[in-house]
Amino acid sequence: MGTSEIIKKLAKRMYDNVSENEIRQCTEFCNNLVDICTEALVNNEKIIWKGFLSMEVIERAARKGRHPQTNEIVTFPPVKSVNCRISKAIKDAVNGK
């Protein structure tokens, strides 16, 4: 399911209509939600959306690896990554529990 499909379903549930105005409002809502979450993660804040998901930025340590063509040992620098965990309720629903 793509972004446009999600926005249309959101407009249908919120407004019981899928006109251009409702789609525009839902698109604006979704874009603002993405911006808020992105800003929070950039500021190293943890996002907890109870019953849906939690996200946080983690820093992975530097590591060594082997270049496959030259067999040279290469050191990869530490990187930041987003860790996202889905709620147990959603996992149970997907697994039919």
PDB file of N, CA and C in Angstrom:
ATOM      1  N   MET A   1       0.851  -1.158   0.000  1.00  0.00           N
ATOM      2  CA  MET A   1       0.000   0.000   0.000  1.00  0.00           C
ATOM      3  C   MET A   1       0.908   1.234   0.000  1.00  0.00           C
ATOM      4  N   GLY A   2       0.680   2.106  -0.951  1.00  0.00           N
ATOM      5  CA  GLY A   2       1.484   3.305  -1.089  1.00  0.00           C
ATOM      6  C   GLY A   2       0.897   4.490  -0.337  1.00  0.00           C
ATOM      7  N   THR A   3       1.623   5.593  -0.374  1.00  0.00           N
ATOM      8  CA  THR A   3       1.207   6.804   0.335  1.00  0.00           C
ATOM      9  C   THR A   3      -0.147   7.305  -0.135  1.00  0.00           C
ATOM     10  N   SER A   4      -0.359   7.335  -1.436  1.00  0.00           N
ATOM     11  CA  SER A   4      -1.631   7.864  -1.948  1.00  0.00           C
ATOM     12  C   SER A   4      -2.811   6.996  -1.515  1.00  0.00           C
ATOM     13  N   GLU A   5      -2.611   5.682  -1.463  1.00  0.00           N
ATOM     14  CA  GLU A   5      -3.681   4.792  -1.001  1.00  0.00           C
ATOM     15  C   GLU A   5      -3.977   5.005   0.483  1.00  0.00           C
ATOM     16  N   ILE A   6      -2.932   5.191   1.276  1.00  0.00           N
ATOM     17  CA  ILE A   6      -3.112   5.440   2.710  1.00  0.00           C
ATOM     18  C   ILE A   6      -3.867   6.744   2.912  1.00  0.00           C
ATOM     19  N   ILE A   7      -3.503   7.775   2.163  1.00  0.00           N
ATOM     20  CA  ILE A   7      -4.161   9.075   2.303  1.00  0.00           C
ATOM     21  C   ILE A   7      -5.631   8.981   1.904  1.00  0.00           C
ATOM     22  N   LYS A   8      -5.943   8.250   0.846  1.00  0.00           N
ATOM     23  CA  LYS A   8      -7.338   8.090   0.436  1.00  0.00           C
ATOM     24  C   LYS A   8      -8.139   7.351   1.498  1.00  0.00           C
ATOM     25  N   LYS A   9      -7.558   6.301   2.103  1.00  0.00           N
ATOM     26  CA  LYS A   9      -8.259   5.564   3.153  1.00  0.00           C
ATOM     27  C   LYS A   9      -8.439   6.424   4.396  1.00  0.00           C
ATOM     28  N   LEU A  10      -7.439   7.252   4.699  1.00  0.00           N
ATOM     29  CA  LEU A  10      -7.545   8.159   5.833  1.00  0.00           C
ATOM     30  C   LEU A  10      -8.656   9.186   5.613  1.00  0.00           C
ATOM     31  N   ALA A  11      -8.738   9.737   4.398  1.00  0.00           N
ATOM     32  CA  ALA A  11      -9.793  10.704   4.067  1.00  0.00           C
ATOM     33  C   ALA A  11     -11.167  10.052   4.170  1.00  0.00           C
ATOM     34  N   LYS A  12     -11.277   8.822   3.710  1.00  0.00           N
ATOM     35  CA  LYS A  12     -12.551   8.104   3.768  1.00  0.00           C
ATOM     36  C   LYS A  12     -12.986   7.888   5.218  1.00  0.00           C
ATOM     37  N   ARG A  13     -12.024   7.522   6.089  1.00  0.00           N
ATOM     38  CA  ARG A  13     -12.368   7.275   7.495  1.00  0.00           C
ATOM     39  C   ARG A  13     -12.646   8.554   8.255  1.00  0.00           C
ATOM     40  N   MET A  14     -11.884   9.611   7.970  1.00  0.00           N
ATOM     41  CA  MET A  14     -12.042  10.846   8.734  1.00  0.00           C
ATOM     42  C   MET A  14     -13.250  11.664   8.279  1.00  0.00           C
ATOM     43  N   TYR A  15     -13.437  11.754   6.971  1.00  0.00           N
ATOM     44  CA  TYR A  15     -14.455  12.643   6.426  1.00  0.00           C
ATOM     45  C   TYR A  15     -15.596  11.903   5.739  1.00  0.00           C
ATOM     46  N   ASP A  16     -15.470  10.601   5.597  1.00  0.00           N
ATOM     47  CA  ASP A  16     -16.456   9.791   4.887  1.00  0.00           C
ATOM     48  C   ASP A  16     -16.620  10.257   3.445  1.00  0.00           C
ATOM     49  N   ASN A  17     -15.546  10.825   2.921  1.00  0.00           N
ATOM     50  CA  ASN A  17     -15.553  11.377   1.565  1.00  0.00           C
ATOM     51  C   ASN A  17     -14.116  11.398   1.052  1.00  0.00           C
ATOM     52  N   VAL A  18     -13.949  11.322  -0.245  1.00  0.00           N
ATOM     53  CA  VAL A  18     -12.604  11.323  -0.824  1.00  0.00           C
ATOM     54  C   VAL A  18     -12.502  12.424  -1.876  1.00  0.00           C
ATOM     55  N   SER A  19     -12.941  13.621  -1.539  1.00  0.00           N
ATOM     56  CA  SER A  19     -12.854  14.735  -2.488  1.00  0.00           C
ATOM     57  C   SER A  19     -11.449  15.348  -2.425  1.00  0.00           C
ATOM     58  N   GLU A  20     -11.180  16.252  -3.350  1.00  0.00           N
ATOM     59  CA  GLU A  20      -9.858  16.879  -3.433  1.00  0.00           C
ATOM     60  C   GLU A  20      -9.502  17.617  -2.142  1.00  0.00           C
ATOM     61  N   ASN A  21     -10.467  18.298  -1.537  1.00  0.00           N
ATOM     62  CA  ASN A  21     -10.201  19.057  -0.314  1.00  0.00           C
ATOM     63  C   ASN A  21      -9.805  18.124   0.828  1.00  0.00           C
ATOM     64  N   GLU A  22     -10.523  17.033   0.997  1.00  0.00           N
ATOM     65  CA  GLU A  22     -10.201  16.081   2.063  1.00  0.00           C
ATOM     66  C   GLU A  22      -8.855  15.407   1.823  1.00  0.00           C
ATOM     67  N   ILE A  23      -8.568  15.081   0.573  1.00  0.00           N
ATOM     68  CA  ILE A  23      -7.273  14.470   0.254  1.00  0.00           C
ATOM     69  C   ILE A  23      -6.147  15.455   0.554  1.00  0.00           C
ATOM     70  N   ARG A  24      -6.345  16.731   0.240  1.00  0.00           N
ATOM     71  CA  ARG A  24      -5.335  17.751   0.512  1.00  0.00           C
ATOM     72  C   ARG A  24      -5.099  17.873   2.016  1.00  0.00           C
ATOM     73  N   GLN A  25      -6.181  17.873   2.806  1.00  0.00           N
ATOM     74  CA  GLN A  25      -6.048  17.978   4.258  1.00  0.00           C
ATOM     75  C   GLN A  25      -5.331  16.765   4.847  1.00  0.00           C
ATOM     76  N   CYS A  26      -5.661  15.587   4.367  1.00  0.00           N
ATOM     77  CA  CYS A  26      -5.007  14.370   4.859  1.00  0.00           C
ATOM     78  C   CYS A  26      -3.543  14.325   4.442  1.00  0.00           C
ATOM     79  N   THR A  27      -3.239  14.794   3.247  1.00  0.00           N
ATOM     80  CA  THR A  27      -1.851  14.852   2.786  1.00  0.00           C
ATOM     81  C   THR A  27      -1.058  15.803   3.672  1.00  0.00           C
ATOM     82  N   GLU A  28      -1.635  16.954   3.982  1.00  0.00           N
ATOM     83  CA  GLU A  28      -0.977  17.921   4.856  1.00  0.00           C
ATOM     84  C   GLU A  28      -0.759  17.329   6.243  1.00  0.00           C
ATOM     85  N   PHE A  29      -1.762  16.614   6.753  1.00  0.00           N
ATOM     86  CA  PHE A  29      -1.644  15.961   8.052  1.00  0.00           C
ATOM     87  C   PHE A  29      -0.488  14.954   8.046  1.00  0.00           C
ATOM     88  N   CYS A  30      -0.447  14.103   7.034  1.00  0.00           N
ATOM     89  CA  CYS A  30       0.593  13.072   6.953  1.00  0.00           C
ATOM     90  C   CYS A  30       1.983  13.698   6.807  1.00  0.00           C
ATOM     91  N   ASN A  31       2.097  14.735   5.991  1.00  0.00           N
ATOM     92  CA  ASN A  31       3.388  15.401   5.822  1.00  0.00           C
ATOM     93  C   ASN A  31       3.852  16.034   7.133  1.00  0.00           C
ATOM     94  N   ASN A  32       2.934  16.649   7.868  1.00  0.00           N
ATOM     95  CA  ASN A  32       3.290  17.232   9.166  1.00  0.00           C
ATOM     96  C   ASN A  32       3.702  16.162  10.166  1.00  0.00           C
ATOM     97  N   LEU A  33       3.029  15.022  10.146  1.00  0.00           N
ATOM     98  CA  LEU A  33       3.381  13.926  11.041  1.00  0.00           C
ATOM     99  C   LEU A  33       4.791  13.414  10.748  1.00  0.00           C
ATOM    100  N   VAL A  34       5.109  13.265   9.478  1.00  0.00           N
ATOM    101  CA  VAL A  34       6.459  12.826   9.082  1.00  0.00           C
ATOM    102  C   VAL A  34       7.496  13.858   9.528  1.00  0.00           C
ATOM    103  N   ASP A  35       7.204  15.135   9.335  1.00  0.00           N
ATOM    104  CA  ASP A  35       8.138  16.190   9.741  1.00  0.00           C
ATOM    105  C   ASP A  35       8.367  16.193  11.244  1.00  0.00           C
ATOM    106  N   ILE A  36       7.301  16.040  12.020  1.00  0.00           N
ATOM    107  CA  ILE A  36       7.422  16.015  13.480  1.00  0.00           C
ATOM    108  C   ILE A  36       8.269  14.830  13.935  1.00  0.00           C
ATOM    109  N   CYS A  37       8.018  13.665  13.370  1.00  0.00           N
ATOM    110  CA  CYS A  37       8.791  12.470  13.739  1.00  0.00           C
ATOM    111  C   CYS A  37      10.257  12.619  13.338  1.00  0.00           C
ATOM    112  N   THR A  38      10.505  13.166  12.157  1.00  0.00           N
ATOM    113  CA  THR A  38      11.876  13.358  11.690  1.00  0.00           C
ATOM    114  C   THR A  38      12.623  14.323  12.601  1.00  0.00           C
ATOM    115  N   GLU A  39      12.001  15.452  12.949  1.00  0.00           N
ATOM    116  CA  GLU A  39      12.627  16.427  13.842  1.00  0.00           C
ATOM    117  C   GLU A  39      12.941  15.805  15.201  1.00  0.00           C
ATOM    118  N   ALA A  40      12.023  15.014  15.717  1.00  0.00           N
ATOM    119  CA  ALA A  40      12.240  14.375  17.020  1.00  0.00           C
ATOM    120  C   ALA A  40      13.427  13.416  16.962  1.00  0.00           C
ATOM    121  N   LEU A  41      13.510  12.620  15.904  1.00  0.00           N
ATOM    122  CA  LEU A  41      14.620  11.673  15.785  1.00  0.00           C
ATOM    123  C   LEU A  41      15.950  12.392  15.578  1.00  0.00           C
ATOM    124  N   VAL A  42      15.946  13.483  14.813  1.00  0.00           N
ATOM    125  CA  VAL A  42      17.175  14.259  14.607  1.00  0.00           C
ATOM    126  C   VAL A  42      17.660  14.824  15.947  1.00  0.00           C
ATOM    127  N   ASN A  43      16.731  15.187  16.829  1.00  0.00           N
ATOM    128  CA  ASN A  43      17.070  15.727  18.146  1.00  0.00           C
ATOM    129  C   ASN A  43      17.268  14.627  19.194  1.00  0.00           C
ATOM    130  N   ASN A  44      17.432  13.393  18.750  1.00  0.00           N
ATOM    131  CA  ASN A  44      17.653  12.225  19.618  1.00  0.00           C
ATOM    132  C   ASN A  44      16.536  12.008  20.632  1.00  0.00           C
ATOM    133  N   GLU A  45      15.310  12.346  20.259  1.00  0.00           N
ATOM    134  CA  GLU A  45      14.167  12.077  21.116  1.00  0.00           C
ATOM    135  C   GLU A  45      13.570  10.726  20.715  1.00  0.00           C
ATOM    136  N   LYS A  46      13.070  10.012  21.709  1.00  0.00           N
ATOM    137  CA  LYS A  46      12.431   8.735  21.451  1.00  0.00           C
ATOM    138  C   LYS A  46      10.947   8.980  21.169  1.00  0.00           C
ATOM    139  N   ILE A  47      10.411   8.318  20.166  1.00  0.00           N
ATOM    140  CA  ILE A  47       9.007   8.446  19.813  1.00  0.00           C
ATOM    141  C   ILE A  47       8.282   7.199  20.315  1.00  0.00           C
ATOM    142  N   ILE A  48       7.277   7.415  21.141  1.00  0.00           N
ATOM    143  CA  ILE A  48       6.470   6.302  21.643  1.00  0.00           C
ATOM    144  C   ILE A  48       5.025   6.580  21.272  1.00  0.00           C
ATOM    145  N   TRP A  49       4.482   5.771  20.382  1.00  0.00           N
ATOM    146  CA  TRP A  49       3.087   5.880  19.949  1.00  0.00           C
ATOM    147  C   TRP A  49       2.416   4.611  20.454  1.00  0.00           C
ATOM    148  N   LYS A  50       1.843   4.692  21.642  1.00  0.00           N
ATOM    149  CA  LYS A  50       1.307   3.513  22.317  1.00  0.00           C
ATOM    150  C   LYS A  50       0.280   2.802  21.440  1.00  0.00           C
ATOM    151  N   GLY A  51       0.428   1.500  21.328  1.00  0.00           N
ATOM    152  CA  GLY A  51      -0.463   0.684  20.517  1.00  0.00           C
ATOM    153  C   GLY A  51      -0.083   0.637  19.051  1.00  0.00           C
ATOM    154  N   PHE A  52       0.999   1.354  18.665  1.00  0.00           N
ATOM    155  CA  PHE A  52       1.403   1.375  17.258  1.00  0.00           C
ATOM    156  C   PHE A  52       2.881   1.049  17.115  1.00  0.00           C
ATOM    157  N   LEU A  53       3.764   1.950  17.562  1.00  0.00           N
ATOM    158  CA  LEU A  53       5.196   1.701  17.407  1.00  0.00           C
ATOM    159  C   LEU A  53       5.993   2.580  18.343  1.00  0.00           C
ATOM    160  N   SER A  54       7.279   2.281  18.434  1.00  0.00           N
ATOM    161  CA  SER A  54       8.234   3.157  19.104  1.00  0.00           C
ATOM    162  C   SER A  54       9.471   3.228  18.226  1.00  0.00           C
ATOM    163  N   MET A  55      10.076   4.425  18.181  1.00  0.00           N
ATOM    164  CA  MET A  55      11.274   4.636  17.373  1.00  0.00           C
ATOM    165  C   MET A  55      12.300   5.399  18.196  1.00  0.00           C
ATOM    166  N   GLU A  56      13.552   5.058  17.989  1.00  0.00           N
ATOM    167  CA  GLU A  56      14.633   5.783  18.630  1.00  0.00           C
ATOM    168  C   GLU A  56      15.886   5.678  17.775  1.00  0.00           C
ATOM    169  N   VAL A  57      16.772   6.649  17.949  1.00  0.00           N
ATOM    170  CA  VAL A  57      18.030   6.654  17.225  1.00  0.00           C
ATOM    171  C   VAL A  57      19.053   5.905  18.065  1.00  0.00           C
ATOM    172  N   ILE A  58      19.739   4.962  17.443  1.00  0.00           N
ATOM    173  CA  ILE A  58      20.809   4.227  18.115  1.00  0.00           C
ATOM    174  C   ILE A  58      22.092   4.457  17.336  1.00  0.00           C
ATOM    175  N   GLU A  59      23.210   4.396  18.032  1.00  0.00           N
ATOM    176  CA  GLU A  59      24.489   4.558  17.360  1.00  0.00           C
ATOM    177  C   GLU A  59      25.204   3.215  17.368  1.00  0.00           C
ATOM    178  N   ARG A  60      25.524   2.766  16.177  1.00  0.00           N
ATOM    179  CA  ARG A  60      26.259   1.511  16.061  1.00  0.00           C
ATOM    180  C   ARG A  60      27.754   1.824  16.079  1.00  0.00           C
ATOM    181  N   ALA A  61      28.496   1.030  16.785  1.00  0.00           N
ATOM    182  CA  ALA A  61      29.934   1.254  16.952  1.00  0.00           C
ATOM    183  C   ALA A  61      30.680   1.027  15.640  1.00  0.00           C
ATOM    184  N   ALA A  62      31.887   1.563  15.602  1.00  0.00           N
ATOM    185  CA  ALA A  62      32.749   1.325  14.440  1.00  0.00           C
ATOM    186  C   ALA A  62      33.036  -0.170  14.361  1.00  0.00           C
ATOM    187  N   ARG A  63      33.201  -0.640  13.142  1.00  0.00           N
ATOM    188  CA  ARG A  63      33.458  -2.075  12.977  1.00  0.00           C
ATOM    189  C   ARG A  63      34.452  -2.284  11.850  1.00  0.00           C
ATOM    190  N   LYS A  64      35.029  -3.454  11.853  1.00  0.00           N
ATOM    191  CA  LYS A  64      35.971  -3.819  10.798  1.00  0.00           C
ATOM    192  C   LYS A  64      35.293  -4.805   9.865  1.00  0.00           C
ATOM    193  N   GLY A  65      35.622  -4.670   8.594  1.00  0.00           N
ATOM    194  CA  GLY A  65      35.084  -5.579   7.596  1.00  0.00           C
ATOM    195  C   GLY A  65      36.129  -5.853   6.533  1.00  0.00           C
ATOM    196  N   ARG A  66      35.843  -6.800   5.690  1.00  0.00           N
ATOM    197  CA  ARG A  66      36.787  -7.188   4.647  1.00  0.00           C
ATOM    198  C   ARG A  66      36.246  -6.755   3.295  1.00  0.00           C
ATOM    199  N   HIS A  67      37.104  -6.092   2.506  1.00  0.00           N
ATOM    200  CA  HIS A  67      36.740  -5.709   1.141  1.00  0.00           C
ATOM    201  C   HIS A  67      36.734  -6.983   0.301  1.00  0.00           C
ATOM    202  N   PRO A  68      35.625  -7.317  -0.363  1.00  0.00           N
ATOM    203  CA  PRO A  68      35.515  -8.620  -1.035  1.00  0.00           C
ATOM    204  C   PRO A  68      36.464  -8.809  -2.227  1.00  0.00           C
ATOM    205  N   GLN A  69      36.868  -7.727  -2.876  1.00  0.00           N
ATOM    206  CA  GLN A  69      37.726  -7.888  -4.054  1.00  0.00           C
ATOM    207  C   GLN A  69      39.207  -7.916  -3.701  1.00  0.00           C
ATOM    208  N   THR A  70      39.593  -7.130  -2.682  1.00  0.00           N
ATOM    209  CA  THR A  70      41.021  -7.031  -2.357  1.00  0.00           C
ATOM    210  C   THR A  70      41.396  -7.769  -1.083  1.00  0.00           C
ATOM    211  N   ASN A  71      40.431  -8.274  -0.343  1.00  0.00           N
ATOM    212  CA  ASN A  71      40.641  -8.913   0.959  1.00  0.00           C
ATOM    213  C   ASN A  71      41.293  -7.980   1.970  1.00  0.00           C
ATOM    214  N   GLU A  72      41.243  -6.681   1.696  1.00  0.00           N
ATOM    215  CA  GLU A  72      41.807  -5.689   2.605  1.00  0.00           C
ATOM    216  C   GLU A  72      40.831  -5.472   3.762  1.00  0.00           C
ATOM    217  N   ILE A  73      41.376  -5.343   4.974  1.00  0.00           N
ATOM    218  CA  ILE A  73      40.553  -5.061   6.149  1.00  0.00           C
ATOM    219  C   ILE A  73      40.248  -3.562   6.157  1.00  0.00           C
ATOM    220  N   VAL A  74      38.955  -3.229   6.222  1.00  0.00           N
ATOM    221  CA  VAL A  74      38.502  -1.846   6.196  1.00  0.00           C
ATOM    222  C   VAL A  74      37.761  -1.550   7.495  1.00  0.00           C
ATOM    223  N   THR A  75      37.984  -0.360   8.046  1.00  0.00           N
ATOM    224  CA  THR A  75      37.270   0.059   9.248  1.00  0.00           C
ATOM    225  C   THR A  75      36.127   0.971   8.844  1.00  0.00           C
ATOM    226  N   PHE A  76      34.916   0.583   9.230  1.00  0.00           N
ATOM    227  CA  PHE A  76      33.732   1.379   8.955  1.00  0.00           C
ATOM    228  C   PHE A  76      33.475   2.278  10.160  1.00  0.00           C
ATOM    229  N   PRO A  77      33.190   3.553   9.950  1.00  0.00           N
ATOM    230  CA  PRO A  77      32.976   4.473  11.078  1.00  0.00           C
ATOM    231  C   PRO A  77      31.654   4.188  11.779  1.00  0.00           C
ATOM    232  N   PRO A  78      31.501   4.729  12.986  1.00  0.00           N
ATOM    233  CA  PRO A  78      30.210   4.558  13.674  1.00  0.00           C
ATOM    234  C   PRO A  78      29.109   5.281  12.899  1.00  0.00           C
ATOM    235  N   VAL A  79      27.922   4.701  12.915  1.00  0.00           N
ATOM    236  CA  VAL A  79      26.783   5.300  12.208  1.00  0.00           C
ATOM    237  C   VAL A  79      25.572   5.326  13.125  1.00  0.00           C
ATOM    238  N   LYS A  80      24.688   6.292  12.856  1.00  0.00           N
ATOM    239  CA  LYS A  80      23.426   6.351  13.568  1.00  0.00           C
ATOM    240  C   LYS A  80      22.371   5.641  12.739  1.00  0.00           C
ATOM    241  N   SER A  81      21.471   4.953  13.430  1.00  0.00           N
ATOM    242  CA  SER A  81      20.427   4.202  12.770  1.00  0.00           C
ATOM    243  C   SER A  81      19.130   4.374  13.553  1.00  0.00           C
ATOM    244  N   VAL A  82      18.003   4.215  12.890  1.00  0.00           N
ATOM    245  CA  VAL A  82      16.714   4.313  13.560  1.00  0.00           C
ATOM    246  C   VAL A  82      16.225   2.907  13.878  1.00  0.00           C
ATOM    247  N   ASN A  83      15.937   2.681  15.145  1.00  0.00           N
ATOM    248  CA  ASN A  83      15.409   1.400  15.594  1.00  0.00           C
ATOM    249  C   ASN A  83      13.900   1.566  15.766  1.00  0.00           C
ATOM    250  N   CYS A  84      13.122   0.769  15.070  1.00  0.00           N
ATOM    251  CA  CYS A  84      11.669   0.873  15.104  1.00  0.00           C
ATOM    252  C   CYS A  84      11.088  -0.456  15.574  1.00  0.00           C
ATOM    253  N   ARG A  85      10.256  -0.376  16.605  1.00  0.00           N
ATOM    254  CA  ARG A  85       9.609  -1.584  17.129  1.00  0.00           C
ATOM    255  C   ARG A  85       8.100  -1.439  17.000  1.00  0.00           C
ATOM    256  N   ILE A  86       7.472  -2.439  16.444  1.00  0.00           N
ATOM    257  CA  ILE A  86       6.024  -2.462  16.279  1.00  0.00           C
ATOM    258  C   ILE A  86       5.398  -3.003  17.564  1.00  0.00           C
ATOM    259  N   SER A  87       4.215  -2.498  17.896  1.00  0.00           N
ATOM    260  CA  SER A  87       3.564  -2.912  19.141  1.00  0.00           C
ATOM    261  C   SER A  87       3.156  -4.384  19.099  1.00  0.00           C
ATOM    262  N   LYS A  88       3.026  -4.940  20.286  1.00  0.00           N
ATOM    263  CA  LYS A  88       2.627  -6.345  20.408  1.00  0.00           C
ATOM    264  C   LYS A  88       1.227  -6.573  19.843  1.00  0.00           C
ATOM    265  N   ALA A  89       0.333  -5.596  20.011  1.00  0.00           N
ATOM    266  CA  ALA A  89      -1.034  -5.741  19.502  1.00  0.00           C
ATOM    267  C   ALA A  89      -1.043  -5.906  17.986  1.00  0.00           C
ATOM    268  N   ILE A  90      -0.224  -5.163  17.291  1.00  0.00           N
ATOM    269  CA  ILE A  90      -0.160  -5.281  15.834  1.00  0.00           C
ATOM    270  C   ILE A  90       0.468  -6.607  15.438  1.00  0.00           C
ATOM    271  N   LYS A  91       1.537  -6.997  16.137  1.00  0.00           N
ATOM    272  CA  LYS A  91       2.175  -8.287  15.842  1.00  0.00           C
ATOM    273  C   LYS A  91       1.185  -9.428  16.022  1.00  0.00           C
ATOM    274  N   ASP A  92       0.405  -9.376  17.110  1.00  0.00           N
ATOM    275  CA  ASP A  92      -0.588 -10.417  17.364  1.00  0.00           C
ATOM    276  C   ASP A  92      -1.662 -10.420  16.294  1.00  0.00           C
ATOM    277  N   ALA A  93      -2.105  -9.244  15.860  1.00  0.00           N
ATOM    278  CA  ALA A  93      -3.137  -9.168  14.808  1.00  0.00           C
ATOM    279  C   ALA A  93      -2.622  -9.764  13.500  1.00  0.00           C
ATOM    280  N   VAL A  94      -1.367  -9.495  13.164  1.00  0.00           N
ATOM    281  CA  VAL A  94      -0.801 -10.032  11.917  1.00  0.00           C
ATOM    282  C   VAL A  94      -0.658 -11.543  12.015  1.00  0.00           C
ATOM    283  N   ASN A  95      -0.328 -12.038  13.200  1.00  0.00           N
ATOM    284  CA  ASN A  95      -0.157 -13.479  13.372  1.00  0.00           C
ATOM    285  C   ASN A  95      -1.460 -14.208  13.676  1.00  0.00           C
ATOM    286  N   GLY A  96      -2.576 -13.498  13.683  1.00  0.00           N
ATOM    287  CA  GLY A  96      -3.866 -14.119  13.883  1.00  0.00           C
ATOM    288  C   GLY A  96      -4.146 -14.573  15.298  1.00  0.00           C
ATOM    289  N   LYS A  97      -3.564 -13.908  16.254  1.00  0.00           N
ATOM    290  CA  LYS A  97      -3.776 -14.299  17.655  1.00  0.00           C
ATOM    291  C   LYS A  97      -4.856 -13.486  18.279  1.00  0.00           C
TER     292      LYS A  97
END
